[in-house]
Amino acid sequence: FRSGSDNLLVILKRKWWKYILLGLADVEANYMIVRAYQYTTLTSVQLLDCFGIPVLMALSWFILYARYRVIHFVAVAVCLLGVGTMVGADILAGREDNSGSDVLIGDILVLLGASLYAISNVCEEYIVKKLSRQEFLGMVGLFGTIISGIQLLIVEYKDIASIHWDWKIALLFVAFALCMFCLYSFMPLVIKVTSATSVNLGILTADLYSLFVGLFLFGYKFSGLYILSFTIIMVGFILYCSTPTRTAEPAESSVPPVTSIGIDNLGMKLEENLQETHSAVL
């Protein structure tokens, strides 16, 4: 309903094929990761899902022209060390025993899903920073709904028809939908302030939260290694956000523009601008 270039019909006429590809990547990333749990172990999903982070950094380097410093690579290594610690805790707790029906298929699905997530996240960062958050959510929501609906009818129709519905199952689906709605609503806000890479590093802590839920629902065994892994991942995340990445694109001024600013760096930048303005007035 907006006027000008932000109008829905104008966006569809100019970029419809781009958003079809983006919607397809996002839908299939979700589908492959969820499907992988049917074939492989939780441990494999946790480890192989980290493959998306180097893919994301590589895509950001070539597409967004992001340039990383040594501290960023150290931070990513620290986060991956935390994931390894969490996987070790899973092994000790016996959570990897459910091997699934075909581990190889599951592992391949995780790798493909992680790569597609990286593509989707890089595109999301470009859109929310260069265009608008509303355009990203609107277009991905529109085409994602169409693509997933068609895929549901083709691939999952028999599975849906065989579900014995009751209020508990319906409530679980509603809860899952609300969680995904919140994730997709908040992620563009965070990506605009930081970057897609930093968001994915933060999401590595999700396994710890699932553990806490599993303690009550599934009787998981608790280990102090989970707290250690959470601490290691958070240290890596803070390290990554402590130093801004820079772009290789030429800027108008001599100072290279900041493409990804941590929260602390954003405050420092605002303070510097205020000081410069105050000096100019004096």
C-alpha atoms as a PDB file:
ATOM      1  CA  PHE A   1       0.000   0.000   0.000  1.00  0.00           C
ATOM      2  CA  ARG A   2       2.989   2.320   0.010  1.00  0.00           C
ATOM      3  CA  SER A   3       3.551   4.748  -2.826  1.00  0.00           C
ATOM      4  CA  GLY A   4       6.491   4.987  -5.214  1.00  0.00           C
ATOM      5  CA  SER A   5       9.239   2.387  -5.396  1.00  0.00           C
ATOM      6  CA  ASP A   6       8.201   0.831  -2.059  1.00  0.00           C
ATOM      7  CA  ASN A   7       4.839  -0.237  -3.453  1.00  0.00           C
ATOM      8  CA  LEU A   8       4.171  -3.987  -3.405  1.00  0.00           C
ATOM      9  CA  LEU A   9       3.322  -4.202  -7.121  1.00  0.00           C
ATOM     10  CA  VAL A  10       6.383  -2.170  -8.127  1.00  0.00           C
ATOM     11  CA  ILE A  11       8.675  -4.448  -6.115  1.00  0.00           C
ATOM     12  CA  LEU A  12       7.038  -7.542  -7.614  1.00  0.00           C
ATOM     13  CA  LYS A  13       7.446  -6.255 -11.176  1.00  0.00           C
ATOM     14  CA  ARG A  14      11.124  -5.389 -10.728  1.00  0.00           C
ATOM     15  CA  LYS A  15      12.441  -8.129  -8.429  1.00  0.00           C
ATOM     16  CA  TRP A  16       9.967 -11.016  -8.414  1.00  0.00           C
ATOM     17  CA  TRP A  17      12.469 -13.589  -9.723  1.00  0.00           C
ATOM     18  CA  LYS A  18      15.105 -12.579  -7.162  1.00  0.00           C
ATOM     19  CA  TYR A  19      12.709 -13.055  -4.274  1.00  0.00           C
ATOM     20  CA  ILE A  20      11.529 -16.385  -5.680  1.00  0.00           C
ATOM     21  CA  LEU A  21      15.139 -17.611  -5.504  1.00  0.00           C
ATOM     22  CA  LEU A  22      15.583 -16.161  -2.009  1.00  0.00           C
ATOM     23  CA  GLY A  23      12.313 -17.686  -0.811  1.00  0.00           C
ATOM     24  CA  LEU A  24      13.304 -21.039  -2.315  1.00  0.00           C
ATOM     25  CA  ALA A  25      16.693 -20.976  -0.541  1.00  0.00           C
ATOM     26  CA  ASP A  26      15.105 -20.071   2.788  1.00  0.00           C
ATOM     27  CA  VAL A  27      12.322 -22.663   2.596  1.00  0.00           C
ATOM     28  CA  GLU A  28      14.651 -25.477   1.554  1.00  0.00           C
ATOM     29  CA  ALA A  29      17.181 -24.565   4.252  1.00  0.00           C
ATOM     30  CA  ASN A  30      14.501 -24.959   6.917  1.00  0.00           C
ATOM     31  CA  TYR A  31      13.146 -28.129   5.321  1.00  0.00           C
ATOM     32  CA  MET A  32      16.533 -29.841   5.018  1.00  0.00           C
ATOM     33  CA  ILE A  33      17.616 -29.116   8.581  1.00  0.00           C
ATOM     34  CA  VAL A  34      14.312 -30.345  10.035  1.00  0.00           C
ATOM     35  CA  ARG A  35      14.334 -33.389   7.759  1.00  0.00           C
ATOM     36  CA  ALA A  36      17.912 -34.234   8.761  1.00  0.00           C
ATOM     37  CA  TYR A  37      16.830 -34.971  12.339  1.00  0.00           C
ATOM     38  CA  GLN A  38      14.897 -37.954  10.957  1.00  0.00           C
ATOM     39  CA  TYR A  39      18.056 -39.547   9.535  1.00  0.00           C
ATOM     40  CA  THR A  40      21.062 -38.545  11.628  1.00  0.00           C
ATOM     41  CA  THR A  41      22.045 -37.800  15.211  1.00  0.00           C
ATOM     42  CA  LEU A  42      21.701 -34.584  17.182  1.00  0.00           C
ATOM     43  CA  THR A  43      25.488 -34.527  17.529  1.00  0.00           C
ATOM     44  CA  SER A  44      25.977 -34.592  13.747  1.00  0.00           C
ATOM     45  CA  VAL A  45      23.430 -31.811  13.246  1.00  0.00           C
ATOM     46  CA  GLN A  46      25.174 -29.623  15.838  1.00  0.00           C
ATOM     47  CA  LEU A  47      28.620 -30.163  14.320  1.00  0.00           C
ATOM     48  CA  LEU A  48      27.758 -29.990  10.627  1.00  0.00           C
ATOM     49  CA  ASP A  49      25.407 -27.032  11.062  1.00  0.00           C
ATOM     50  CA  CYS A  50      28.509 -24.970  11.901  1.00  0.00           C
ATOM     51  CA  PHE A  51      29.544 -25.425   8.251  1.00  0.00           C
ATOM     52  CA  GLY A  52      27.234 -22.523   7.449  1.00  0.00           C
ATOM     53  CA  ILE A  53      29.442 -20.026   9.305  1.00  0.00           C
ATOM     54  CA  PRO A  54      32.548 -20.249   7.055  1.00  0.00           C
ATOM     55  CA  VAL A  55      30.237 -20.329   4.028  1.00  0.00           C
ATOM     56  CA  LEU A  56      28.515 -17.206   5.351  1.00  0.00           C
ATOM     57  CA  MET A  57      31.831 -15.434   5.904  1.00  0.00           C
ATOM     58  CA  ALA A  58      33.011 -16.351   2.403  1.00  0.00           C
ATOM     59  CA  LEU A  59      29.777 -15.082   0.824  1.00  0.00           C
ATOM     60  CA  SER A  60      29.976 -11.870   2.879  1.00  0.00           C
ATOM     61  CA  TRP A  61      33.552 -11.386   1.635  1.00  0.00           C
ATOM     62  CA  PHE A  62      32.622 -11.642  -2.053  1.00  0.00           C
ATOM     63  CA  ILE A  63      29.043 -10.287  -2.060  1.00  0.00           C
ATOM     64  CA  LEU A  64      28.976  -7.718   0.770  1.00  0.00           C
ATOM     65  CA  TYR A  65      32.712  -6.920   0.465  1.00  0.00           C
ATOM     66  CA  ALA A  66      33.165  -7.514   4.194  1.00  0.00           C
ATOM     67  CA  ARG A  67      36.778  -7.565   5.330  1.00  0.00           C
ATOM     68  CA  TYR A  68      37.601  -9.445   8.520  1.00  0.00           C
ATOM     69  CA  ARG A  69      40.404  -8.924  10.995  1.00  0.00           C
ATOM     70  CA  VAL A  70      42.379 -11.548  12.872  1.00  0.00           C
ATOM     71  CA  ILE A  71      40.171 -11.142  15.938  1.00  0.00           C
ATOM     72  CA  HIS A  72      37.112 -12.165  13.913  1.00  0.00           C
ATOM     73  CA  PHE A  73      38.681 -15.460  12.868  1.00  0.00           C
ATOM     74  CA  VAL A  74      39.831 -16.041  16.462  1.00  0.00           C
ATOM     75  CA  ALA A  75      36.296 -15.346  17.678  1.00  0.00           C
ATOM     76  CA  VAL A  76      34.787 -17.822  15.216  1.00  0.00           C
ATOM     77  CA  ALA A  77      37.342 -20.442  16.286  1.00  0.00           C
ATOM     78  CA  VAL A  78      36.419 -19.862  19.941  1.00  0.00           C
ATOM     79  CA  CYS A  79      32.715 -20.266  19.142  1.00  0.00           C
ATOM     80  CA  LEU A  80      33.368 -23.514  17.280  1.00  0.00           C
ATOM     81  CA  LEU A  81      35.401 -24.716  20.255  1.00  0.00           C
ATOM     82  CA  GLY A  82      32.343 -24.046  22.395  1.00  0.00           C
ATOM     83  CA  VAL A  83      30.213 -26.116  20.016  1.00  0.00           C
ATOM     84  CA  GLY A  84      32.751 -28.944  20.291  1.00  0.00           C
ATOM     85  CA  THR A  85      32.487 -28.762  24.071  1.00  0.00           C
ATOM     86  CA  MET A  86      28.693 -28.943  23.828  1.00  0.00           C
ATOM     87  CA  VAL A  87      28.915 -31.968  21.538  1.00  0.00           C
ATOM     88  CA  GLY A  88      31.271 -33.597  24.032  1.00  0.00           C
ATOM     89  CA  ALA A  89      28.716 -33.003  26.764  1.00  0.00           C
ATOM     90  CA  ASP A  90      26.066 -34.624  24.554  1.00  0.00           C
ATOM     91  CA  ILE A  91      28.251 -37.695  24.075  1.00  0.00           C
ATOM     92  CA  LEU A  92      28.864 -38.028  27.803  1.00  0.00           C
ATOM     93  CA  ALA A  93      25.145 -37.600  28.493  1.00  0.00           C
ATOM     94  CA  GLY A  94      24.252 -40.231  25.881  1.00  0.00           C
ATOM     95  CA  ARG A  95      22.112 -37.900  23.778  1.00  0.00           C
ATOM     96  CA  GLU A  96      23.740 -39.101  20.533  1.00  0.00           C
ATOM     97  CA  ASP A  97      22.464 -42.674  20.847  1.00  0.00           C
ATOM     98  CA  ASN A  98      19.491 -42.156  18.520  1.00  0.00           C
ATOM     99  CA  SER A  99      21.311 -42.688  15.237  1.00  0.00           C
ATOM    100  CA  GLY A 100      18.354 -42.372  12.886  1.00  0.00           C
ATOM    101  CA  SER A 101      17.721 -44.430   9.768  1.00  0.00           C
ATOM    102  CA  ASP A 102      20.461 -43.196   7.401  1.00  0.00           C
ATOM    103  CA  VAL A 103      23.237 -41.067   8.869  1.00  0.00           C
ATOM    104  CA  LEU A 104      24.862 -40.238   5.506  1.00  0.00           C
ATOM    105  CA  ILE A 105      21.638 -38.801   4.042  1.00  0.00           C
ATOM    106  CA  GLY A 106      21.070 -36.809   7.224  1.00  0.00           C
ATOM    107  CA  ASP A 107      24.601 -35.387   7.198  1.00  0.00           C
ATOM    108  CA  ILE A 108      24.296 -34.357   3.535  1.00  0.00           C
ATOM    109  CA  LEU A 109      20.974 -32.650   4.283  1.00  0.00           C
ATOM    110  CA  VAL A 110      22.565 -30.700   7.151  1.00  0.00           C
ATOM    111  CA  LEU A 111      25.452 -29.506   4.949  1.00  0.00           C
ATOM    112  CA  LEU A 112      23.085 -28.427   2.169  1.00  0.00           C
ATOM    113  CA  GLY A 113      20.718 -26.771   4.631  1.00  0.00           C
ATOM    114  CA  ALA A 114      23.564 -24.885   6.338  1.00  0.00           C
ATOM    115  CA  SER A 115      24.822 -23.627   2.955  1.00  0.00           C
ATOM    116  CA  LEU A 116      21.341 -22.462   1.955  1.00  0.00           C
ATOM    117  CA  TYR A 117      20.943 -20.737   5.329  1.00  0.00           C
ATOM    118  CA  ALA A 118      24.192 -18.883   4.642  1.00  0.00           C
ATOM    119  CA  ILE A 119      22.899 -17.724   1.244  1.00  0.00           C
ATOM    120  CA  SER A 120      19.597 -16.629   2.790  1.00  0.00           C
ATOM    121  CA  ASN A 121      21.306 -14.748   5.636  1.00  0.00           C
ATOM    122  CA  VAL A 122      23.714 -12.900   3.331  1.00  0.00           C
ATOM    123  CA  CYS A 123      20.798 -11.823   1.135  1.00  0.00           C
ATOM    124  CA  GLU A 124      18.879 -10.776   4.246  1.00  0.00           C
ATOM    125  CA  GLU A 125      21.790  -8.629   5.455  1.00  0.00           C
ATOM    126  CA  TYR A 126      22.067  -6.942   2.053  1.00  0.00           C
ATOM    127  CA  ILE A 127      18.323  -6.224   1.862  1.00  0.00           C
ATOM    128  CA  VAL A 128      17.822  -4.900   5.404  1.00  0.00           C
ATOM    129  CA  LYS A 129      20.891  -2.641   5.155  1.00  0.00           C
ATOM    130  CA  LYS A 130      20.551  -1.459   1.551  1.00  0.00           C
ATOM    131  CA  LEU A 131      16.753  -1.569   1.085  1.00  0.00           C
ATOM    132  CA  SER A 132      14.340  -2.136   3.972  1.00  0.00           C
ATOM    133  CA  ARG A 133      13.371  -4.653   6.617  1.00  0.00           C
ATOM    134  CA  GLN A 134       9.726  -4.446   5.530  1.00  0.00           C
ATOM    135  CA  GLU A 135      10.596  -5.409   1.968  1.00  0.00           C
ATOM    136  CA  PHE A 136      12.570  -8.453   3.118  1.00  0.00           C
ATOM    137  CA  LEU A 137       9.877  -9.722   5.478  1.00  0.00           C
ATOM    138  CA  GLY A 138       7.096  -9.027   2.995  1.00  0.00           C
ATOM    139  CA  MET A 139       8.708 -10.691  -0.002  1.00  0.00           C
ATOM    140  CA  VAL A 140      10.160 -13.690   1.826  1.00  0.00           C
ATOM    141  CA  GLY A 141       6.857 -14.150   3.631  1.00  0.00           C
ATOM    142  CA  LEU A 142       4.907 -14.001   0.372  1.00  0.00           C
ATOM    143  CA  PHE A 143       7.058 -16.256  -1.785  1.00  0.00           C
ATOM    144  CA  GLY A 144       8.048 -18.502   1.125  1.00  0.00           C
ATOM    145  CA  THR A 145       4.382 -19.209   1.801  1.00  0.00           C
ATOM    146  CA  ILE A 146       3.700 -20.057  -1.836  1.00  0.00           C
ATOM    147  CA  ILE A 147       6.780 -22.262  -2.219  1.00  0.00           C
ATOM    148  CA  SER A 148       6.325 -24.117   1.063  1.00  0.00           C
ATOM    149  CA  GLY A 149       2.604 -24.563   0.358  1.00  0.00           C
ATOM    150  CA  ILE A 150       3.277 -26.155  -3.038  1.00  0.00           C
ATOM    151  CA  GLN A 151       6.020 -28.338  -1.575  1.00  0.00           C
ATOM    152  CA  LEU A 152       3.707 -29.391   1.257  1.00  0.00           C
ATOM    153  CA  LEU A 153       1.069 -30.597  -1.192  1.00  0.00           C
ATOM    154  CA  ILE A 154       3.617 -32.496  -3.304  1.00  0.00           C
ATOM    155  CA  VAL A 155       5.947 -34.002  -0.679  1.00  0.00           C
ATOM    156  CA  GLU A 156       4.198 -34.016   2.690  1.00  0.00           C
ATOM    157  CA  TYR A 157       0.515 -34.440   1.835  1.00  0.00           C
ATOM    158  CA  LYS A 158       0.306 -38.087   2.930  1.00  0.00           C
ATOM    159  CA  ASP A 159       2.195 -37.413   6.149  1.00  0.00           C
ATOM    160  CA  ILE A 160      -0.133 -34.534   7.035  1.00  0.00           C
ATOM    161  CA  ALA A 161      -3.197 -36.641   6.228  1.00  0.00           C
ATOM    162  CA  SER A 162      -1.992 -39.450   8.512  1.00  0.00           C
ATOM    163  CA  ILE A 163      -1.659 -37.204  11.588  1.00  0.00           C
ATOM    164  CA  HIS A 164      -4.155 -38.003  14.341  1.00  0.00           C
ATOM    165  CA  TRP A 165      -4.967 -34.467  15.364  1.00  0.00           C
ATOM    166  CA  ASP A 166      -5.678 -33.480  18.942  1.00  0.00           C
ATOM    167  CA  TRP A 167      -5.288 -30.280  20.936  1.00  0.00           C
ATOM    168  CA  LYS A 168      -1.715 -31.138  22.035  1.00  0.00           C
ATOM    169  CA  ILE A 169      -0.441 -31.600  18.474  1.00  0.00           C
ATOM    170  CA  ALA A 170      -2.233 -28.450  17.328  1.00  0.00           C
ATOM    171  CA  LEU A 171      -0.737 -26.523  20.243  1.00  0.00           C
ATOM    172  CA  LEU A 172       2.762 -27.739  19.356  1.00  0.00           C
ATOM    173  CA  PHE A 173       2.344 -26.558  15.758  1.00  0.00           C
ATOM    174  CA  VAL A 174       1.065 -23.162  16.966  1.00  0.00           C
ATOM    175  CA  ALA A 175       3.999 -22.831  19.385  1.00  0.00           C
ATOM    176  CA  PHE A 176       6.480 -23.705  16.614  1.00  0.00           C
ATOM    177  CA  ALA A 177       4.885 -21.159  14.272  1.00  0.00           C
ATOM    178  CA  LEU A 178       5.040 -18.433  16.935  1.00  0.00           C
ATOM    179  CA  CYS A 179       8.708 -19.186  17.623  1.00  0.00           C
ATOM    180  CA  MET A 180       9.545 -18.971  13.911  1.00  0.00           C
ATOM    181  CA  PHE A 181       7.492 -15.766  13.593  1.00  0.00           C
ATOM    182  CA  CYS A 182       9.479 -14.144  16.420  1.00  0.00           C
ATOM    183  CA  LEU A 183      12.775 -15.396  14.954  1.00  0.00           C
ATOM    184  CA  TYR A 184      12.082 -13.932  11.526  1.00  0.00           C
ATOM    185  CA  SER A 185      10.745 -10.682  13.003  1.00  0.00           C
ATOM    186  CA  PHE A 186      13.691  -9.998  15.331  1.00  0.00           C
ATOM    187  CA  MET A 187      16.568 -11.309  13.207  1.00  0.00           C
ATOM    188  CA  PRO A 188      16.470  -8.446  10.638  1.00  0.00           C
ATOM    189  CA  LEU A 189      16.629  -5.932  13.501  1.00  0.00           C
ATOM    190  CA  VAL A 190      19.749  -7.554  14.946  1.00  0.00           C
ATOM    191  CA  ILE A 191      21.376  -8.091  11.548  1.00  0.00           C
ATOM    192  CA  LYS A 192      20.943  -4.408  10.734  1.00  0.00           C
ATOM    193  CA  VAL A 193      22.897  -3.421  13.865  1.00  0.00           C
ATOM    194  CA  THR A 194      25.523  -6.191  13.666  1.00  0.00           C
ATOM    195  CA  SER A 195      25.822  -8.717  10.829  1.00  0.00           C
ATOM    196  CA  ALA A 196      24.516 -12.070   9.646  1.00  0.00           C
ATOM    197  CA  THR A 197      27.723 -13.764  10.846  1.00  0.00           C
ATOM    198  CA  SER A 198      27.424 -12.429  14.396  1.00  0.00           C
ATOM    199  CA  VAL A 199      23.757 -13.477  14.543  1.00  0.00           C
ATOM    200  CA  ASN A 200      24.653 -17.023  13.492  1.00  0.00           C
ATOM    201  CA  LEU A 201      27.407 -17.139  16.109  1.00  0.00           C
ATOM    202  CA  GLY A 202      24.874 -16.153  18.756  1.00  0.00           C
ATOM    203  CA  ILE A 203      22.445 -18.822  17.549  1.00  0.00           C
ATOM    204  CA  LEU A 204      25.072 -21.455  18.392  1.00  0.00           C
ATOM    205  CA  THR A 205      23.892 -21.136  22.007  1.00  0.00           C
ATOM    206  CA  ALA A 206      20.448 -22.457  21.013  1.00  0.00           C
ATOM    207  CA  ASP A 207      21.415 -26.030  21.884  1.00  0.00           C
ATOM    208  CA  LEU A 208      21.880 -25.023  25.517  1.00  0.00           C
ATOM    209  CA  TYR A 209      18.363 -23.596  25.667  1.00  0.00           C
ATOM    210  CA  SER A 210      16.969 -26.756  24.092  1.00  0.00           C
ATOM    211  CA  LEU A 211      18.814 -28.713  26.787  1.00  0.00           C
ATOM    212  CA  PHE A 212      17.029 -26.804  29.558  1.00  0.00           C
ATOM    213  CA  VAL A 213      13.678 -27.554  27.947  1.00  0.00           C
ATOM    214  CA  GLY A 214      14.712 -31.186  27.477  1.00  0.00           C
ATOM    215  CA  LEU A 215      15.548 -31.501  31.171  1.00  0.00           C
ATOM    216  CA  PHE A 216      11.851 -31.118  31.955  1.00  0.00           C
ATOM    217  CA  LEU A 217      10.277 -32.718  28.860  1.00  0.00           C
ATOM    218  CA  PHE A 218      12.617 -35.613  28.045  1.00  0.00           C
ATOM    219  CA  GLY A 219      14.637 -36.136  31.212  1.00  0.00           C
ATOM    220  CA  TYR A 220      17.985 -35.165  29.697  1.00  0.00           C
ATOM    221  CA  LYS A 221      21.071 -35.547  31.900  1.00  0.00           C
ATOM    222  CA  PHE A 222      22.719 -32.276  32.884  1.00  0.00           C
ATOM    223  CA  SER A 223      26.481 -31.737  32.686  1.00  0.00           C
ATOM    224  CA  GLY A 224      28.658 -28.827  33.746  1.00  0.00           C
ATOM    225  CA  LEU A 225      30.206 -28.945  30.275  1.00  0.00           C
ATOM    226  CA  TYR A 226      27.032 -27.323  28.923  1.00  0.00           C
ATOM    227  CA  ILE A 227      27.618 -24.227  31.033  1.00  0.00           C
ATOM    228  CA  LEU A 228      31.281 -24.217  29.999  1.00  0.00           C
ATOM    229  CA  SER A 229      30.348 -24.481  26.308  1.00  0.00           C
ATOM    230  CA  PHE A 230      27.800 -21.668  26.660  1.00  0.00           C
ATOM    231  CA  THR A 231      30.446 -19.462  28.296  1.00  0.00           C
ATOM    232  CA  ILE A 232      33.009 -20.223  25.554  1.00  0.00           C
ATOM    233  CA  ILE A 233      30.495 -19.445  22.778  1.00  0.00           C
ATOM    234  CA  MET A 234      29.481 -16.168  24.456  1.00  0.00           C
ATOM    235  CA  VAL A 235      33.145 -15.141  24.834  1.00  0.00           C
ATOM    236  CA  GLY A 236      33.665 -15.785  21.120  1.00  0.00           C
ATOM    237  CA  PHE A 237      30.476 -13.884  20.266  1.00  0.00           C
ATOM    238  CA  ILE A 238      31.549 -10.861  22.343  1.00  0.00           C
ATOM    239  CA  LEU A 239      35.012 -10.955  20.760  1.00  0.00           C
ATOM    240  CA  TYR A 240      33.465 -10.926  17.289  1.00  0.00           C
ATOM    241  CA  CYS A 241      31.167  -7.982  18.065  1.00  0.00           C
ATOM    242  CA  SER A 242      33.912  -6.020  19.842  1.00  0.00           C
ATOM    243  CA  THR A 243      35.595  -5.069  16.560  1.00  0.00           C
ATOM    244  CA  PRO A 244      33.700  -3.838  13.488  1.00  0.00           C
ATOM    245  CA  THR A 245      34.251  -5.396  10.083  1.00  0.00           C
ATOM    246  CA  ARG A 246      35.006  -3.078   7.188  1.00  0.00           C
ATOM    247  CA  THR A 247      34.111  -2.977   3.535  1.00  0.00           C
ATOM    248  CA  ALA A 248      36.383  -3.032   0.517  1.00  0.00           C
ATOM    249  CA  GLU A 249      34.134  -0.649  -1.405  1.00  0.00           C
ATOM    250  CA  PRO A 250      35.572   2.837  -1.922  1.00  0.00           C
ATOM    251  CA  ALA A 251      34.087   5.474   0.332  1.00  0.00           C
ATOM    252  CA  GLU A 252      33.575   9.181  -0.194  1.00  0.00           C
ATOM    253  CA  SER A 253      35.721  10.047   2.778  1.00  0.00           C
ATOM    254  CA  SER A 254      39.165   8.780   3.715  1.00  0.00           C
ATOM    255  CA  VAL A 255      37.710   6.749   6.588  1.00  0.00           C
ATOM    256  CA  PRO A 256      36.484   3.321   5.416  1.00  0.00           C
ATOM    257  CA  PRO A 257      32.780   2.778   6.189  1.00  0.00           C
ATOM    258  CA  VAL A 258      31.711   0.369   8.867  1.00  0.00           C
ATOM    259  CA  THR A 259      29.523  -2.478   7.599  1.00  0.00           C
ATOM    260  CA  SER A 260      29.011  -4.333  10.855  1.00  0.00           C
ATOM    261  CA  ILE A 261      29.008  -2.492  14.167  1.00  0.00           C
ATOM    262  CA  GLY A 262      28.766  -4.177  17.539  1.00  0.00           C
ATOM    263  CA  ILE A 263      26.554  -2.498  20.135  1.00  0.00           C
ATOM    264  CA  ASP A 264      29.530  -1.036  22.034  1.00  0.00           C
ATOM    265  CA  ASN A 265      31.113   0.243  18.806  1.00  0.00           C
ATOM    266  CA  LEU A 266      27.818   1.821  17.789  1.00  0.00           C
ATOM    267  CA  GLY A 267      27.740   3.785  21.054  1.00  0.00           C
ATOM    268  CA  MET A 268      31.344   4.923  20.576  1.00  0.00           C
ATOM    269  CA  LYS A 269      30.618   6.037  17.010  1.00  0.00           C
ATOM    270  CA  LEU A 270      27.579   8.074  18.133  1.00  0.00           C
ATOM    271  CA  GLU A 271      29.644   9.663  20.904  1.00  0.00           C
ATOM    272  CA  GLU A 272      32.389  10.638  18.436  1.00  0.00           C
ATOM    273  CA  ASN A 273      29.822  12.206  16.095  1.00  0.00           C
ATOM    274  CA  LEU A 274      28.331  14.211  18.967  1.00  0.00           C
ATOM    275  CA  GLN A 275      31.788  15.458  19.975  1.00  0.00           C
ATOM    276  CA  GLU A 276      32.565  16.512  16.406  1.00  0.00           C
ATOM    277  CA  THR A 277      29.241  18.375  16.156  1.00  0.00           C
ATOM    278  CA  HIS A 278      29.865  20.127  19.475  1.00  0.00           C
ATOM    279  CA  SER A 279      33.357  21.190  18.357  1.00  0.00           C
ATOM    280  CA  ALA A 280      31.995  22.540  15.060  1.00  0.00           C
ATOM    281  CA  VAL A 281      29.397  24.639  16.910  1.00  0.00           C
ATOM    282  CA  LEU A 282      32.043  26.101  19.219  1.00  0.00           C
END
